[in-house]
């Protein structure tokens, strides 16, 4: 018998209520997301990654609010990627809707899979074509 190894990734969406000190109603998800986007700078990202690594995780699924396509740049993505590496974390997924911006963020961060709902106007056929062209799966 051969042993197989699997890894459990920490999904940073688990921190959705962090900005409100974990006082949270599910109906306030979008408010928490907006606060997370606004408040996640390099220092906060490093702290999050250090905490995740400190409890033993080596893989992470990044919630879109922590690497939002609306504010992420190539330079910022390099910084995020360096922090992940410094903390011994490998990004294995992007938790968000499949979009052109999300694909770009994934390419910058070295993530090959978007794990999110089918929101917006994209159909599965359109996403399949984009995925084949970009190399970022859904």
C-alpha atoms as a PDB file:
ATOM      1  CA  UNK A   1       0.000   0.000   0.000  1.00  0.00           C
ATOM      2  CA  UNK A   2       1.299   3.430  -0.869  1.00  0.00           C
ATOM      3  CA  UNK A   3       0.686   6.354   1.372  1.00  0.00           C
ATOM      4  CA  UNK A   4      -0.841   9.376  -0.222  1.00  0.00           C
ATOM      5  CA  UNK A   5      -0.634  12.835   1.113  1.00  0.00           C
ATOM      6  CA  UNK A   6      -3.246  15.507   0.924  1.00  0.00           C
ATOM      7  CA  UNK A   7      -3.158  19.021   2.199  1.00  0.00           C
ATOM      8  CA  UNK A   8      -5.873  21.085   3.749  1.00  0.00           C
ATOM      9  CA  UNK A   9      -5.766  24.716   2.734  1.00  0.00           C
ATOM     10  CA  UNK A  10      -6.818  27.627   4.888  1.00  0.00           C
ATOM     11  CA  UNK A  11      -9.372  29.787   3.084  1.00  0.00           C
ATOM     12  CA  UNK A  12      -8.838  33.428   3.991  1.00  0.00           C
ATOM     13  CA  UNK A  13     -12.610  34.002   3.671  1.00  0.00           C
ATOM     14  CA  UNK A  14     -12.672  32.455   7.142  1.00  0.00           C
ATOM     15  CA  UNK A  15     -11.551  35.925   8.222  1.00  0.00           C
ATOM     16  CA  UNK A  16     -14.602  37.657   6.723  1.00  0.00           C
ATOM     17  CA  UNK A  17     -15.575  39.198  10.054  1.00  0.00           C
ATOM     18  CA  UNK A  18     -12.066  40.133  11.162  1.00  0.00           C
ATOM     19  CA  UNK A  19     -12.605  43.820  10.389  1.00  0.00           C
ATOM     20  CA  UNK A  20     -15.576  43.949  12.763  1.00  0.00           C
ATOM     21  CA  UNK A  21     -13.808  41.966  15.495  1.00  0.00           C
ATOM     22  CA  UNK A  22     -15.871  38.939  14.460  1.00  0.00           C
ATOM     23  CA  UNK A  23     -19.252  40.530  15.199  1.00  0.00           C
ATOM     24  CA  UNK A  24     -20.914  39.472  12.007  1.00  0.00           C
ATOM     25  CA  UNK A  25     -24.220  38.653  10.404  1.00  0.00           C
ATOM     26  CA  UNK A  26     -24.183  36.691   7.160  1.00  0.00           C
ATOM     27  CA  UNK A  27     -26.354  39.400   5.609  1.00  0.00           C
ATOM     28  CA  UNK A  28     -23.422  41.811   6.135  1.00  0.00           C
ATOM     29  CA  UNK A  29     -20.997  39.788   3.999  1.00  0.00           C
ATOM     30  CA  UNK A  30     -20.667  42.503   1.347  1.00  0.00           C
ATOM     31  CA  UNK A  31     -19.935  45.141   4.003  1.00  0.00           C
ATOM     32  CA  UNK A  32     -17.245  42.929   5.508  1.00  0.00           C
ATOM     33  CA  UNK A  33     -15.832  42.292   2.047  1.00  0.00           C
ATOM     34  CA  UNK A  34     -15.625  46.028   1.321  1.00  0.00           C
ATOM     35  CA  UNK A  35     -13.915  46.661   4.679  1.00  0.00           C
ATOM     36  CA  UNK A  36     -11.451  43.850   3.995  1.00  0.00           C
ATOM     37  CA  UNK A  37     -10.594  45.219   0.553  1.00  0.00           C
ATOM     38  CA  UNK A  38     -10.098  48.714   1.967  1.00  0.00           C
ATOM     39  CA  UNK A  39      -8.026  47.622   4.962  1.00  0.00           C
ATOM     40  CA  UNK A  40      -5.821  44.840   3.597  1.00  0.00           C
ATOM     41  CA  UNK A  41      -2.455  46.473   3.087  1.00  0.00           C
ATOM     42  CA  UNK A  42       0.987  44.856   3.112  1.00  0.00           C
ATOM     43  CA  UNK A  43       1.203  44.861   6.921  1.00  0.00           C
ATOM     44  CA  UNK A  44      -2.226  43.256   7.320  1.00  0.00           C
ATOM     45  CA  UNK A  45      -1.514  40.677   4.593  1.00  0.00           C
ATOM     46  CA  UNK A  46       1.771  39.726   6.266  1.00  0.00           C
ATOM     47  CA  UNK A  47       0.025  39.372   9.628  1.00  0.00           C
ATOM     48  CA  UNK A  48      -2.669  37.142   8.116  1.00  0.00           C
ATOM     49  CA  UNK A  49      -0.099  34.932   6.409  1.00  0.00           C
ATOM     50  CA  UNK A  50       2.053  34.677   9.537  1.00  0.00           C
ATOM     51  CA  UNK A  51      -0.971  33.640  11.602  1.00  0.00           C
ATOM     52  CA  UNK A  52      -2.009  31.023   9.058  1.00  0.00           C
ATOM     53  CA  UNK A  53       1.500  29.568   8.928  1.00  0.00           C
ATOM     54  CA  UNK A  54       1.869  29.672  12.717  1.00  0.00           C
ATOM     55  CA  UNK A  55      -0.978  27.184  13.157  1.00  0.00           C
ATOM     56  CA  UNK A  56       0.574  24.786  10.669  1.00  0.00           C
ATOM     57  CA  UNK A  57      -1.008  25.465   7.302  1.00  0.00           C
ATOM     58  CA  UNK A  58       1.215  25.375   4.224  1.00  0.00           C
ATOM     59  CA  UNK A  59      -1.448  25.983   1.594  1.00  0.00           C
ATOM     60  CA  UNK A  60      -3.974  28.770   1.302  1.00  0.00           C
ATOM     61  CA  UNK A  61      -6.997  29.630  -0.794  1.00  0.00           C
ATOM     62  CA  UNK A  62      -7.071  33.403  -1.129  1.00  0.00           C
ATOM     63  CA  UNK A  63     -10.451  35.072  -0.749  1.00  0.00           C
ATOM     64  CA  UNK A  64     -10.936  37.714  -3.414  1.00  0.00           C
ATOM     65  CA  UNK A  65     -11.225  40.476  -0.812  1.00  0.00           C
ATOM     66  CA  UNK A  66      -7.605  39.856   0.216  1.00  0.00           C
ATOM     67  CA  UNK A  67      -6.408  40.157  -3.387  1.00  0.00           C
ATOM     68  CA  UNK A  68      -9.198  42.050  -5.089  1.00  0.00           C
ATOM     69  CA  UNK A  69      -8.815  42.657  -8.805  1.00  0.00           C
ATOM     70  CA  UNK A  70     -10.040  46.224  -8.347  1.00  0.00           C
ATOM     71  CA  UNK A  71      -7.035  47.195  -6.237  1.00  0.00           C
ATOM     72  CA  UNK A  72      -4.403  44.569  -7.065  1.00  0.00           C
ATOM     73  CA  UNK A  73      -1.536  45.601  -9.321  1.00  0.00           C
ATOM     74  CA  UNK A  74       1.376  43.580 -10.642  1.00  0.00           C
ATOM     75  CA  UNK A  75       3.687  45.225  -8.088  1.00  0.00           C
ATOM     76  CA  UNK A  76       1.295  44.602  -5.195  1.00  0.00           C
ATOM     77  CA  UNK A  77       0.857  40.999  -6.330  1.00  0.00           C
ATOM     78  CA  UNK A  78       4.632  40.506  -6.253  1.00  0.00           C
ATOM     79  CA  UNK A  79       4.623  41.770  -2.677  1.00  0.00           C
ATOM     80  CA  UNK A  80       1.711  39.452  -1.737  1.00  0.00           C
ATOM     81  CA  UNK A  81       3.497  36.509  -3.406  1.00  0.00           C
ATOM     82  CA  UNK A  82       6.758  37.305  -1.577  1.00  0.00           C
ATOM     83  CA  UNK A  83       4.908  37.408   1.736  1.00  0.00           C
ATOM     84  CA  UNK A  84       3.306  34.044   0.992  1.00  0.00           C
ATOM     85  CA  UNK A  85       6.742  32.608   0.193  1.00  0.00           C
ATOM     86  CA  UNK A  86       8.300  34.180   3.301  1.00  0.00           C
ATOM     87  CA  UNK A  87       5.615  32.488   5.386  1.00  0.00           C
ATOM     88  CA  UNK A  88       5.990  29.112   3.665  1.00  0.00           C
ATOM     89  CA  UNK A  89       2.519  29.284   2.131  1.00  0.00           C
ATOM     90  CA  UNK A  90       1.531  28.069  -1.323  1.00  0.00           C
ATOM     91  CA  UNK A  91      -1.609  29.594  -2.858  1.00  0.00           C
ATOM     92  CA  UNK A  92      -3.757  26.833  -4.364  1.00  0.00           C
ATOM     93  CA  UNK A  93      -6.949  28.667  -5.225  1.00  0.00           C
ATOM     94  CA  UNK A  94      -8.698  32.006  -5.546  1.00  0.00           C
ATOM     95  CA  UNK A  95     -12.085  32.219  -3.817  1.00  0.00           C
ATOM     96  CA  UNK A  96     -14.162  34.469  -6.023  1.00  0.00           C
ATOM     97  CA  UNK A  97     -16.100  34.706  -9.245  1.00  0.00           C
ATOM     98  CA  UNK A  98     -14.380  33.945 -12.533  1.00  0.00           C
ATOM     99  CA  UNK A  99     -13.622  37.248 -14.267  1.00  0.00           C
ATOM    100  CA  UNK A 100     -10.911  38.804 -16.402  1.00  0.00           C
ATOM    101  CA  UNK A 101      -9.597  40.638 -13.328  1.00  0.00           C
ATOM    102  CA  UNK A 102      -9.611  37.497 -11.182  1.00  0.00           C
ATOM    103  CA  UNK A 103      -7.697  35.620 -13.892  1.00  0.00           C
ATOM    104  CA  UNK A 104      -5.074  38.388 -13.951  1.00  0.00           C
ATOM    105  CA  UNK A 105      -4.675  38.265 -10.166  1.00  0.00           C
ATOM    106  CA  UNK A 106      -4.315  34.473 -10.329  1.00  0.00           C
ATOM    107  CA  UNK A 107      -1.662  34.730 -13.016  1.00  0.00           C
ATOM    108  CA  UNK A 108       0.278  37.275 -10.947  1.00  0.00           C
ATOM    109  CA  UNK A 109       0.051  35.129  -7.800  1.00  0.00           C
ATOM    110  CA  UNK A 110       0.729  31.800  -9.509  1.00  0.00           C
ATOM    111  CA  UNK A 111      -2.743  30.385  -8.803  1.00  0.00           C
ATOM    112  CA  UNK A 112      -4.196  28.036 -11.395  1.00  0.00           C
ATOM    113  CA  UNK A 113      -7.746  27.648 -10.084  1.00  0.00           C
ATOM    114  CA  UNK A 114     -10.629  29.982  -9.273  1.00  0.00           C
ATOM    115  CA  UNK A 115     -13.075  28.419  -6.814  1.00  0.00           C
ATOM    116  CA  UNK A 116     -16.139  30.578  -6.732  1.00  0.00           C
ATOM    117  CA  UNK A 117     -19.725  30.938  -7.677  1.00  0.00           C
ATOM    118  CA  UNK A 118     -21.040  31.697 -11.113  1.00  0.00           C
ATOM    119  CA  UNK A 119     -21.970  35.339 -10.662  1.00  0.00           C
ATOM    120  CA  UNK A 120     -22.386  37.969 -13.318  1.00  0.00           C
ATOM    121  CA  UNK A 121     -23.184  37.366 -16.922  1.00  0.00           C
ATOM    122  CA  UNK A 122     -20.574  34.727 -17.817  1.00  0.00           C
ATOM    123  CA  UNK A 123     -21.851  31.314 -18.819  1.00  0.00           C
ATOM    124  CA  UNK A 124     -20.040  28.055 -18.188  1.00  0.00           C
ATOM    125  CA  UNK A 125     -19.208  27.835 -21.911  1.00  0.00           C
ATOM    126  CA  UNK A 126     -17.657  31.323 -21.832  1.00  0.00           C
ATOM    127  CA  UNK A 127     -15.687  30.487 -18.724  1.00  0.00           C
ATOM    128  CA  UNK A 128     -14.451  27.240 -20.288  1.00  0.00           C
ATOM    129  CA  UNK A 129     -13.136  29.185 -23.306  1.00  0.00           C
ATOM    130  CA  UNK A 130     -11.468  31.775 -21.060  1.00  0.00           C
ATOM    131  CA  UNK A 131      -9.965  29.030 -18.917  1.00  0.00           C
ATOM    132  CA  UNK A 132      -8.476  27.258 -21.918  1.00  0.00           C
ATOM    133  CA  UNK A 133      -6.967  30.504 -23.171  1.00  0.00           C
ATOM    134  CA  UNK A 134      -5.680  31.770 -19.803  1.00  0.00           C
ATOM    135  CA  UNK A 135      -4.640  28.519 -18.152  1.00  0.00           C
ATOM    136  CA  UNK A 136      -6.634  29.450 -15.041  1.00  0.00           C
ATOM    137  CA  UNK A 137      -9.224  26.766 -14.321  1.00  0.00           C
ATOM    138  CA  UNK A 138     -12.640  27.172 -12.753  1.00  0.00           C
END
